[in-house]
Each structure stands twice: as C-alpha cells, then as structure tokens.
C-alpha cells in the first residue's frame, strides 16, 4: 500500500517535470520564433516592394534617356541601356556596401583592441 502511494507520488512529480520541460521549451524557442516571423515577413514584403520600385525607376530612366534626349539615335541607341545598366550596378554596389558595413560591423571590437 505504501509502495503504491510512493509510486503515485513519483508519477505525479515526473509528469509535472515533463510538462515543465515542455513549457520551458515552448517559451524559450517557439515563442521567440513566432515573434521573429513577423519581422521576417514585413522585411521580405518591404524588400519586394523596394525591388519593384527600383526596377520601375530604372525603366523610367531608360525611357527618359530614349525619348526625352535627342542624342541617342542611330548607332548610339545602345548608350541608354549601358547607362541604365551602370546605374543598376551602382545601386547594387551601394546596397551590398551598406549590408557589409551595417550596424553589426560597428558593434564588433577591432582586432588587437583591449577592453
């Protein structure tokens, strides 16, 4: 009879430990991931809209160079495409530069610097 009560007591404590571990796992891993998913979603949507806006700006620059300037006709009709391609490469270079030298790099300690 006493063994049965002890066994029941251990079973209750064991199940409470298991539920505690599961709750802790949910709290420390799943909840932060759920909160992070909101920022990832808005970041992805924002980057898609930015990319579409840059494409529209590049197309408008091409149209301005082709239609509004009279310098690129005949054998020089390829020059507006080159200009727009160079502007696009410059935009990509600036974006990559900002990604590489963003806030994370400012937080890193310089090599050889002591605290």
C-alpha atoms as a PDB file:
ATOM      1  CA  UNK A   1       0.000   0.000   0.000  1.00  0.00           C
ATOM      2  CA  UNK A   2       2.796   2.429   0.919  1.00  0.00           C
ATOM      3  CA  UNK A   3       4.730   1.436  -2.201  1.00  0.00           C
ATOM      4  CA  UNK A   4       1.686   2.242  -4.304  1.00  0.00           C
ATOM      5  CA  UNK A   5       1.355   5.726  -2.748  1.00  0.00           C
ATOM      6  CA  UNK A   6       5.053   6.388  -3.288  1.00  0.00           C
ATOM      7  CA  UNK A   7       4.760   5.216  -6.890  1.00  0.00           C
ATOM      8  CA  UNK A   8       1.756   7.502  -7.466  1.00  0.00           C
ATOM      9  CA  UNK A   9       3.611  10.427  -5.912  1.00  0.00           C
ATOM     10  CA  UNK A  10       6.649   9.839  -8.132  1.00  0.00           C
ATOM     11  CA  UNK A  11       4.433   9.569 -11.228  1.00  0.00           C
ATOM     12  CA  UNK A  12       2.763  12.906 -10.464  1.00  0.00           C
ATOM     13  CA  UNK A  13       6.104  14.586  -9.887  1.00  0.00           C
ATOM     14  CA  UNK A  14       7.543  13.049 -13.038  1.00  0.00           C
ATOM     15  CA  UNK A  15       4.637  14.219 -15.157  1.00  0.00           C
ATOM     16  CA  UNK A  16       4.932  17.704 -13.704  1.00  0.00           C
ATOM     17  CA  UNK A  17       8.649  17.749 -14.573  1.00  0.00           C
ATOM     18  CA  UNK A  18       7.896  16.660 -18.136  1.00  0.00           C
ATOM     19  CA  UNK A  19       5.215  19.328 -18.511  1.00  0.00           C
ATOM     20  CA  UNK A  20       7.614  21.906 -17.026  1.00  0.00           C
ATOM     21  CA  UNK A  21      10.312  20.961 -19.559  1.00  0.00           C
ATOM     22  CA  UNK A  22       7.822  21.137 -22.445  1.00  0.00           C
ATOM     23  CA  UNK A  23       6.532  24.532 -21.313  1.00  0.00           C
ATOM     24  CA  UNK A  24      10.090  25.825 -20.960  1.00  0.00           C
ATOM     25  CA  UNK A  25      10.939  24.571 -24.447  1.00  0.00           C
ATOM     26  CA  UNK A  26       7.918  26.345 -25.888  1.00  0.00           C
ATOM     27  CA  UNK A  27       8.679  29.546 -24.014  1.00  0.00           C
ATOM     28  CA  UNK A  28      12.351  29.734 -24.938  1.00  0.00           C
ATOM     29  CA  UNK A  29      12.260  28.513 -28.545  1.00  0.00           C
ATOM     30  CA  UNK A  30       8.850  28.646 -30.167  1.00  0.00           C
ATOM     31  CA  UNK A  31       7.635  31.985 -28.797  1.00  0.00           C
ATOM     32  CA  UNK A  32      10.738  33.948 -29.947  1.00  0.00           C
ATOM     33  CA  UNK A  33      10.496  32.286 -33.367  1.00  0.00           C
ATOM     34  CA  UNK A  34       6.859  33.339 -33.652  1.00  0.00           C
ATOM     35  CA  UNK A  35       7.796  36.920 -32.748  1.00  0.00           C
ATOM     36  CA  UNK A  36      10.689  36.856 -35.217  1.00  0.00           C
ATOM     37  CA  UNK A  37       8.469  35.635 -38.043  1.00  0.00           C
ATOM     38  CA  UNK A  38       6.580  38.949 -38.004  1.00  0.00           C
ATOM     39  CA  UNK A  39       9.769  40.923 -38.631  1.00  0.00           C
ATOM     40  CA  UNK A  40      10.910  38.493 -41.328  1.00  0.00           C
ATOM     41  CA  UNK A  41       7.537  38.734 -43.073  1.00  0.00           C
ATOM     42  CA  UNK A  42       7.492  42.531 -43.072  1.00  0.00           C
ATOM     43  CA  UNK A  43      11.150  42.635 -44.133  1.00  0.00           C
ATOM     44  CA  UNK A  44      10.504  40.318 -47.068  1.00  0.00           C
ATOM     45  CA  UNK A  45       7.460  42.293 -48.181  1.00  0.00           C
ATOM     46  CA  UNK A  46       9.402  45.552 -47.874  1.00  0.00           C
ATOM     47  CA  UNK A  47      12.321  44.234 -49.891  1.00  0.00           C
ATOM     48  CA  UNK A  48       9.980  43.027 -52.633  1.00  0.00           C
ATOM     49  CA  UNK A  49       8.372  46.468 -52.860  1.00  0.00           C
ATOM     50  CA  UNK A  50      11.771  48.177 -52.869  1.00  0.00           C
ATOM     51  CA  UNK A  51      12.981  45.908 -55.662  1.00  0.00           C
ATOM     52  CA  UNK A  52       9.861  46.640 -57.718  1.00  0.00           C
ATOM     53  CA  UNK A  53      10.319  50.374 -57.130  1.00  0.00           C
ATOM     54  CA  UNK A  54      13.961  50.269 -58.226  1.00  0.00           C
ATOM     55  CA  UNK A  55      13.030  48.351 -61.373  1.00  0.00           C
ATOM     56  CA  UNK A  56      10.369  50.943 -62.185  1.00  0.00           C
ATOM     57  CA  UNK A  57      12.866  53.760 -61.593  1.00  0.00           C
ATOM     58  CA  UNK A  58      15.394  52.104 -63.902  1.00  0.00           C
ATOM     59  CA  UNK A  59      12.777  51.617 -66.628  1.00  0.00           C
ATOM     60  CA  UNK A  60      11.700  55.246 -66.273  1.00  0.00           C
ATOM     61  CA  UNK A  61      15.342  56.361 -66.548  1.00  0.00           C
ATOM     62  CA  UNK A  62      15.675  54.307 -69.724  1.00  0.00           C
ATOM     63  CA  UNK A  63      12.522  55.835 -71.183  1.00  0.00           C
ATOM     64  CA  UNK A  64      13.721  59.366 -70.329  1.00  0.00           C
ATOM     65  CA  UNK A  65      17.087  58.732 -71.957  1.00  0.00           C
ATOM     66  CA  UNK A  66      15.477  57.242 -75.074  1.00  0.00           C
ATOM     67  CA  UNK A  67      12.588  59.635 -75.603  1.00  0.00           C
ATOM     68  CA  UNK A  68      13.455  62.962 -74.000  1.00  0.00           C
ATOM     69  CA  UNK A  69      17.047  63.276 -75.139  1.00  0.00           C
ATOM     70  CA  UNK A  70      17.761  63.545 -78.820  1.00  0.00           C
ATOM     71  CA  UNK A  71      21.374  62.403 -78.548  1.00  0.00           C
ATOM     72  CA  UNK A  72      20.881  58.638 -78.626  1.00  0.00           C
ATOM     73  CA  UNK A  73      19.634  57.796 -82.119  1.00  0.00           C
ATOM     74  CA  UNK A  74      21.021  55.585 -84.844  1.00  0.00           C
ATOM     75  CA  UNK A  75      24.338  53.993 -83.955  1.00  0.00           C
ATOM     76  CA  UNK A  76      24.172  55.343 -80.382  1.00  0.00           C
ATOM     77  CA  UNK A  77      20.849  53.709 -79.449  1.00  0.00           C
ATOM     78  CA  UNK A  78      22.670  51.268 -77.156  1.00  0.00           C
ATOM     79  CA  UNK A  79      24.065  54.018 -74.889  1.00  0.00           C
ATOM     80  CA  UNK A  80      20.880  54.456 -72.752  1.00  0.00           C
ATOM     81  CA  UNK A  81      20.935  50.721 -71.996  1.00  0.00           C
ATOM     82  CA  UNK A  82      24.562  50.975 -70.905  1.00  0.00           C
ATOM     83  CA  UNK A  83      23.806  53.972 -68.704  1.00  0.00           C
ATOM     84  CA  UNK A  84      20.873  52.210 -67.052  1.00  0.00           C
ATOM     85  CA  UNK A  85      22.955  49.060 -66.545  1.00  0.00           C
ATOM     86  CA  UNK A  86      25.713  51.097 -64.897  1.00  0.00           C
ATOM     87  CA  UNK A  87      23.196  52.825 -62.630  1.00  0.00           C
ATOM     88  CA  UNK A  88      21.758  49.416 -61.690  1.00  0.00           C
ATOM     89  CA  UNK A  89      25.232  48.076 -60.873  1.00  0.00           C
ATOM     90  CA  UNK A  90      25.912  51.184 -58.780  1.00  0.00           C
ATOM     91  CA  UNK A  91      22.652  50.670 -56.865  1.00  0.00           C
ATOM     92  CA  UNK A  92      23.558  47.038 -56.196  1.00  0.00           C
ATOM     93  CA  UNK A  93      27.057  48.055 -55.072  1.00  0.00           C
ATOM     94  CA  UNK A  94      25.661  50.618 -52.632  1.00  0.00           C
ATOM     95  CA  UNK A  95      23.209  48.068 -51.244  1.00  0.00           C
ATOM     96  CA  UNK A  96      25.944  45.471 -50.766  1.00  0.00           C
ATOM     97  CA  UNK A  97      28.234  48.047 -49.199  1.00  0.00           C
ATOM     98  CA  UNK A  98      25.521  49.011 -46.697  1.00  0.00           C
ATOM     99  CA  UNK A  99      24.837  45.362 -45.894  1.00  0.00           C
ATOM    100  CA  UNK A 100      28.509  44.589 -45.273  1.00  0.00           C
ATOM    101  CA  UNK A 101      29.255  47.739 -43.279  1.00  0.00           C
ATOM    102  CA  UNK A 102      25.972  47.877 -41.425  1.00  0.00           C
ATOM    103  CA  UNK A 103      25.316  48.119 -37.698  1.00  0.00           C
ATOM    104  CA  UNK A 104      26.721  44.642 -36.978  1.00  0.00           C
ATOM    105  CA  UNK A 105      30.192  45.667 -38.073  1.00  0.00           C
ATOM    106  CA  UNK A 106      30.140  48.738 -35.823  1.00  0.00           C
ATOM    107  CA  UNK A 107      29.451  46.517 -32.794  1.00  0.00           C
ATOM    108  CA  UNK A 108      32.413  44.204 -33.394  1.00  0.00           C
ATOM    109  CA  UNK A 109      35.570  45.049 -31.484  1.00  0.00           C
ATOM    110  CA  UNK A 110      38.583  45.987 -33.541  1.00  0.00           C
ATOM    111  CA  UNK A 111      41.348  43.375 -33.720  1.00  0.00           C
ATOM    112  CA  UNK A 112      44.022  43.940 -31.099  1.00  0.00           C
ATOM    113  CA  UNK A 113      41.873  46.317 -29.055  1.00  0.00           C
ATOM    114  CA  UNK A 114      41.751  45.503 -25.358  1.00  0.00           C
ATOM    115  CA  UNK A 115      38.791  46.211 -23.146  1.00  0.00           C
END
